[in-house]
């Protein structure tokens, strides 16, 4: 006769782990609420969505030159309309909610099942939130922090890869990738997460779904650069990481101006 003790322990520790993540998220969210809605970044975004339908906002962003982020401004439009004029509460509140969702997905990904797992959870959370890159991504005070949105998508991708194989999981994986890619360019990392998860042994996503995901990435590049005729942003627009340092636009232009392909490949 199989004992029910392991399952009972898991039933007890998993809710406690999620409660711990929720508490940490709420505490951090309180500090996020001190970040004002930046006028320099928000004014243009608000005027771009004001008085236009959601469909018009999303469609226009398909032809926005070097940037291909139709869902990014669409998400801003949705929160903008729901704000009823209280932009601070709506946008900072949405950012705080995203942070809580991210921590909950992170803890779910860890599969806390024993008391030892639960005891180690605070350390895992401390490592996550203590990363310099994590802090920089979370506190970004744009109207909607889309870097945080992509972090949520990455955590959701891992959870899907860990799930029991089902057709619904495959469909959700494709939808998640499509949403992330069309929100901001770093959403392509979702495909990388799915491939890496399959390589290390997670089988929540089937091989057929991986092929479909790869096809989606191919369609993204063909649609963006061939059908629509878009272009990549110039090297002189912003700083970027290369190797173990961050290069400013002048350095990027000086080093890779004659051959940007080398920079994009690295």
Protein backbone atom coordinates (compact mmCIF):
# COMPACT_ATOMS: atom_id res chain seq x y z
CA UNK A 1 0.00 0.00 0.00
CA UNK A 2 1.42 3.37 -1.03
CA UNK A 3 1.74 5.97 1.69
CA UNK A 4 0.03 9.31 1.28
CA UNK A 5 2.62 11.18 3.37
CA UNK A 6 4.71 12.65 0.53
CA UNK A 7 1.63 13.95 -1.21
CA UNK A 8 0.26 15.35 2.05
CA UNK A 9 3.52 17.15 2.70
CA UNK A 10 3.47 18.61 -0.80
CA UNK A 11 -0.13 19.72 -0.31
CA UNK A 12 1.00 21.64 2.77
CA UNK A 13 4.28 23.12 1.61
CA UNK A 14 3.21 24.29 -1.87
CA UNK A 15 0.57 26.75 -0.56
CA UNK A 16 3.07 28.01 2.04
CA UNK A 17 5.65 28.56 -0.70
CA UNK A 18 3.17 30.55 -2.77
CA UNK A 19 2.17 32.55 0.30
CA UNK A 20 5.84 33.39 0.84
CA UNK A 21 6.14 34.57 -2.76
CA UNK A 22 2.95 36.60 -2.41
CA UNK A 23 4.22 38.28 0.75
CA UNK A 24 7.55 39.14 -0.89
CA UNK A 25 5.76 40.44 -3.96
CA UNK A 26 3.39 42.64 -1.99
CA UNK A 27 6.29 44.07 0.05
CA UNK A 28 8.26 44.92 -3.09
CA UNK A 29 5.14 46.26 -4.79
CA UNK A 30 4.71 48.82 -2.02
CA UNK A 31 8.07 50.31 -2.95
CA UNK A 32 7.23 50.21 -6.65
CA UNK A 33 4.23 52.44 -5.97
CA UNK A 34 6.65 55.23 -5.08
CA UNK A 35 7.83 55.39 -8.69
CA UNK A 36 5.98 58.18 -10.52
CA UNK A 37 4.59 57.82 -14.01
CA UNK A 38 7.39 59.38 -16.06
CA UNK A 39 6.13 62.28 -18.16
CA UNK A 40 9.04 62.04 -20.62
CA UNK A 41 8.20 58.43 -21.53
CA UNK A 42 4.46 58.47 -20.97
CA UNK A 43 3.27 61.62 -22.73
CA UNK A 44 4.00 60.31 -26.23
CA UNK A 45 2.49 56.92 -25.41
CA UNK A 46 -0.71 58.42 -24.02
CA UNK A 47 -1.21 60.77 -26.95
CA UNK A 48 -0.60 57.87 -29.37
CA UNK A 49 -3.47 55.82 -27.92
CA UNK A 50 -5.88 58.60 -26.99
CA UNK A 51 -9.02 58.75 -29.10
CA UNK A 52 -8.13 55.64 -31.13
CA UNK A 53 -9.54 52.14 -31.03
CA UNK A 54 -7.46 49.23 -29.80
CA UNK A 55 -7.46 47.74 -33.29
CA UNK A 56 -6.13 50.97 -34.83
CA UNK A 57 -3.38 51.23 -32.22
CA UNK A 58 -2.18 47.65 -32.76
CA UNK A 59 -2.41 47.81 -36.57
CA UNK A 60 -0.40 51.04 -36.77
CA UNK A 61 2.46 49.50 -34.81
CA UNK A 62 3.02 46.83 -37.47
CA UNK A 63 4.48 49.57 -39.65
CA UNK A 64 6.56 51.46 -37.11
CA UNK A 65 9.87 51.28 -38.93
CA UNK A 66 12.75 49.85 -36.92
CA UNK A 67 10.54 48.77 -34.03
CA UNK A 68 8.04 45.93 -34.31
CA UNK A 69 6.00 45.99 -31.10
CA UNK A 70 2.27 46.07 -31.90
CA UNK A 71 1.10 44.49 -28.66
CA UNK A 72 3.26 46.78 -26.52
CA UNK A 73 1.24 49.87 -27.26
CA UNK A 74 -1.92 47.79 -27.38
CA UNK A 75 -1.37 46.80 -23.75
CA UNK A 76 -0.80 50.45 -22.87
CA UNK A 77 -4.11 51.27 -24.58
CA UNK A 78 -5.98 48.68 -22.50
CA UNK A 79 -4.62 49.94 -19.17
CA UNK A 80 -5.10 53.54 -20.29
CA UNK A 81 -8.80 52.95 -20.95
CA UNK A 82 -9.27 51.04 -17.68
CA UNK A 83 -7.59 53.82 -15.69
CA UNK A 84 -10.60 56.19 -15.96
CA UNK A 85 -8.13 59.08 -15.76
CA UNK A 86 -6.24 57.83 -12.69
CA UNK A 87 -3.06 57.01 -14.58
CA UNK A 88 -0.80 56.69 -11.56
CA UNK A 89 -2.96 54.09 -9.83
CA UNK A 90 -3.61 52.12 -13.03
CA UNK A 91 -0.08 51.94 -14.41
CA UNK A 92 1.84 51.64 -11.16
CA UNK A 93 -0.77 49.19 -9.89
CA UNK A 94 -0.38 47.10 -13.05
CA UNK A 95 3.39 47.06 -12.58
CA UNK A 96 2.99 45.93 -8.97
CA UNK A 97 0.59 43.19 -10.09
CA UNK A 98 3.08 42.00 -12.71
CA UNK A 99 5.80 41.72 -10.06
CA UNK A 100 3.58 39.57 -7.84
CA UNK A 101 2.64 37.33 -10.78
CA UNK A 102 6.32 36.91 -11.66
CA UNK A 103 7.27 35.79 -8.16
CA UNK A 104 4.35 33.37 -7.99
CA UNK A 105 5.35 31.81 -11.31
CA UNK A 106 8.96 31.61 -10.14
CA UNK A 107 8.00 29.73 -6.99
CA UNK A 108 5.66 27.42 -8.92
CA UNK A 109 8.56 26.65 -11.21
CA UNK A 110 10.65 25.49 -8.24
CA UNK A 111 8.16 22.76 -7.28
CA UNK A 112 8.48 23.21 -3.52
CA UNK A 113 7.31 19.90 -2.06
CA UNK A 114 9.22 19.25 1.18
CA UNK A 115 10.12 21.15 4.32
CA UNK A 116 13.72 21.34 3.13
CA UNK A 117 12.52 22.94 -0.12
CA UNK A 118 10.45 25.41 1.86
CA UNK A 119 13.40 26.28 4.11
CA UNK A 120 15.55 27.02 1.04
CA UNK A 121 12.87 29.12 -0.67
CA UNK A 122 13.78 32.47 0.97
CA UNK A 123 17.35 32.03 -0.31
CA UNK A 124 16.07 31.34 -3.82
CA UNK A 125 13.88 34.45 -3.72
CA UNK A 126 16.77 36.51 -2.33
CA UNK A 127 19.04 35.38 -5.18
CA UNK A 128 16.39 36.27 -7.76
CA UNK A 129 15.45 39.71 -6.47
CA UNK A 130 19.06 40.51 -5.56
CA UNK A 131 20.30 40.21 -9.12
CA UNK A 132 21.30 43.59 -10.53
CA UNK A 133 19.63 42.80 -13.84
CA UNK A 134 16.40 41.83 -12.07
CA UNK A 135 16.30 45.06 -10.09
CA UNK A 136 17.02 47.12 -13.18
CA UNK A 137 14.24 45.44 -15.13
CA UNK A 138 11.64 45.64 -12.36
CA UNK A 139 12.03 49.31 -11.39
CA UNK A 140 11.92 50.62 -14.96
CA UNK A 141 9.27 53.34 -14.73
CA UNK A 142 7.75 53.25 -18.21
CA UNK A 143 3.96 53.47 -18.59
CA UNK A 144 4.02 49.66 -18.69
CA UNK A 145 7.22 47.85 -17.84
CA UNK A 146 7.42 45.51 -20.82
CA UNK A 147 10.74 44.11 -19.65
CA UNK A 148 8.85 42.80 -16.63
CA UNK A 149 6.16 41.47 -18.97
CA UNK A 150 8.76 39.39 -20.83
CA UNK A 151 10.19 38.08 -17.55
CA UNK A 152 6.69 36.85 -16.71
CA UNK A 153 6.46 35.19 -20.13
CA UNK A 154 9.82 33.46 -19.54
CA UNK A 155 8.66 32.12 -16.17
CA UNK A 156 5.36 31.03 -17.72
CA UNK A 157 7.28 29.25 -20.49
CA UNK A 158 9.24 27.22 -17.94
CA UNK A 159 6.01 26.31 -16.16
CA UNK A 160 4.49 25.14 -19.44
CA UNK A 161 7.59 23.09 -20.22
CA UNK A 162 7.28 21.41 -16.81
CA UNK A 163 3.58 20.66 -17.22
CA UNK A 164 2.00 17.33 -18.10
CA UNK A 165 1.98 16.97 -21.91
CA UNK A 166 -1.40 17.95 -23.30
CA UNK A 167 -2.65 19.62 -26.50
CA UNK A 168 -3.71 22.64 -24.44
CA UNK A 169 -0.12 23.13 -23.23
CA UNK A 170 1.15 23.15 -26.83
CA UNK A 171 -1.46 25.69 -27.88
CA UNK A 172 -0.67 27.86 -24.85
CA UNK A 173 3.04 27.73 -25.69
CA UNK A 174 2.46 28.99 -29.24
CA UNK A 175 0.13 31.73 -27.99
CA UNK A 176 2.66 32.78 -25.35
CA UNK A 177 5.47 33.03 -27.89
CA UNK A 178 3.30 35.01 -30.32
CA UNK A 179 2.26 37.44 -27.58
CA UNK A 180 5.84 37.93 -26.35
CA UNK A 181 7.35 38.40 -29.84
CA UNK A 182 4.75 40.97 -30.78
CA UNK A 183 5.14 42.85 -27.50
CA UNK A 184 8.87 43.58 -27.67
CA UNK A 185 11.85 42.08 -29.47
CA UNK A 186 13.22 40.35 -26.36
CA UNK A 187 10.09 38.20 -26.47
CA UNK A 188 12.01 35.96 -28.88
CA UNK A 189 13.72 34.62 -25.75
CA UNK A 190 10.58 32.59 -25.09
CA UNK A 191 11.53 30.33 -28.01
CA UNK A 192 15.00 29.95 -26.48
CA UNK A 193 13.44 28.99 -23.13
CA UNK A 194 11.26 26.30 -24.73
CA UNK A 195 14.18 24.82 -26.68
CA UNK A 196 16.49 24.87 -23.65
CA UNK A 197 13.81 23.27 -21.46
CA UNK A 198 13.35 20.45 -23.98
CA UNK A 199 17.12 19.88 -24.18
CA UNK A 200 17.43 19.48 -20.40
CA UNK A 201 14.61 16.97 -20.28
CA UNK A 202 11.29 18.78 -19.79
CA UNK A 203 8.61 17.29 -22.02
CA UNK A 204 5.57 19.47 -21.38
CA UNK A 205 5.95 20.82 -24.91
CA UNK A 206 5.77 18.21 -27.66
CA UNK A 207 8.14 17.97 -30.60
CA UNK A 208 5.38 19.03 -32.95
CA UNK A 209 4.83 22.13 -30.84
CA UNK A 210 8.56 22.90 -30.91
CA UNK A 211 8.44 22.72 -34.69
CA UNK A 212 5.43 25.05 -34.68
CA UNK A 213 7.25 27.44 -32.33
CA UNK A 214 10.28 27.47 -34.62
CA UNK A 215 8.01 28.13 -37.59
CA UNK A 216 6.50 31.07 -35.69
CA UNK A 217 9.97 32.57 -35.21
CA UNK A 218 10.69 32.13 -38.93
CA UNK A 219 7.37 33.76 -39.86
CA UNK A 220 8.20 36.63 -37.48
CA UNK A 221 11.46 37.44 -39.26
CA UNK A 222 10.07 36.92 -42.76
CA UNK A 223 7.01 39.02 -41.99
CA UNK A 224 8.95 41.78 -40.30
CA UNK A 225 11.90 42.16 -42.66
CA UNK A 226 10.58 40.82 -45.98
CA UNK A 227 6.81 41.28 -46.15
CA UNK A 228 6.52 44.50 -44.18
CA UNK A 229 10.01 45.71 -45.06
CA UNK A 230 11.07 46.71 -41.56
CA UNK A 231 14.63 47.41 -40.45
CA UNK A 232 16.66 46.82 -37.31
CA UNK A 233 17.27 49.83 -35.01
CA UNK A 234 20.49 51.73 -35.67
CA UNK A 235 23.55 51.27 -33.48
CA UNK A 236 23.49 54.98 -32.62
CA UNK A 237 20.11 54.85 -30.87
CA UNK A 238 21.01 53.41 -27.45
CA UNK A 239 23.63 51.65 -25.36
CA UNK A 240 23.90 47.87 -25.56
CA UNK A 241 25.72 45.06 -23.82
CA UNK A 242 28.61 43.37 -25.57
CA UNK A 243 30.80 40.83 -23.83
CA UNK A 244 31.28 41.88 -20.21
CA UNK A 245 30.57 45.60 -20.60
CA UNK A 246 28.03 48.07 -21.90
CA UNK A 247 28.96 50.08 -24.98
CA UNK A 248 27.46 53.51 -25.55
CA UNK A 249 26.12 54.45 -29.01
CA UNK A 250 29.38 56.14 -30.06
CA UNK A 251 31.38 53.04 -29.13
CA UNK A 252 28.94 50.76 -30.94
CA UNK A 253 29.08 52.91 -34.05
CA UNK A 254 32.86 53.08 -33.95
CA UNK A 255 33.34 49.33 -33.48
CA UNK A 256 30.51 47.86 -35.56
CA UNK A 257 29.35 50.68 -37.83
CA UNK A 258 30.93 49.07 -40.88
CA UNK A 259 29.66 45.55 -40.09
CA UNK A 260 26.67 45.47 -37.70
CA UNK A 261 26.04 41.79 -38.49
CA UNK A 262 29.00 40.90 -36.26
CA UNK A 263 27.34 42.71 -33.35
CA UNK A 264 23.93 41.11 -33.89
CA UNK A 265 25.42 37.63 -34.13
CA UNK A 266 27.28 38.05 -30.84
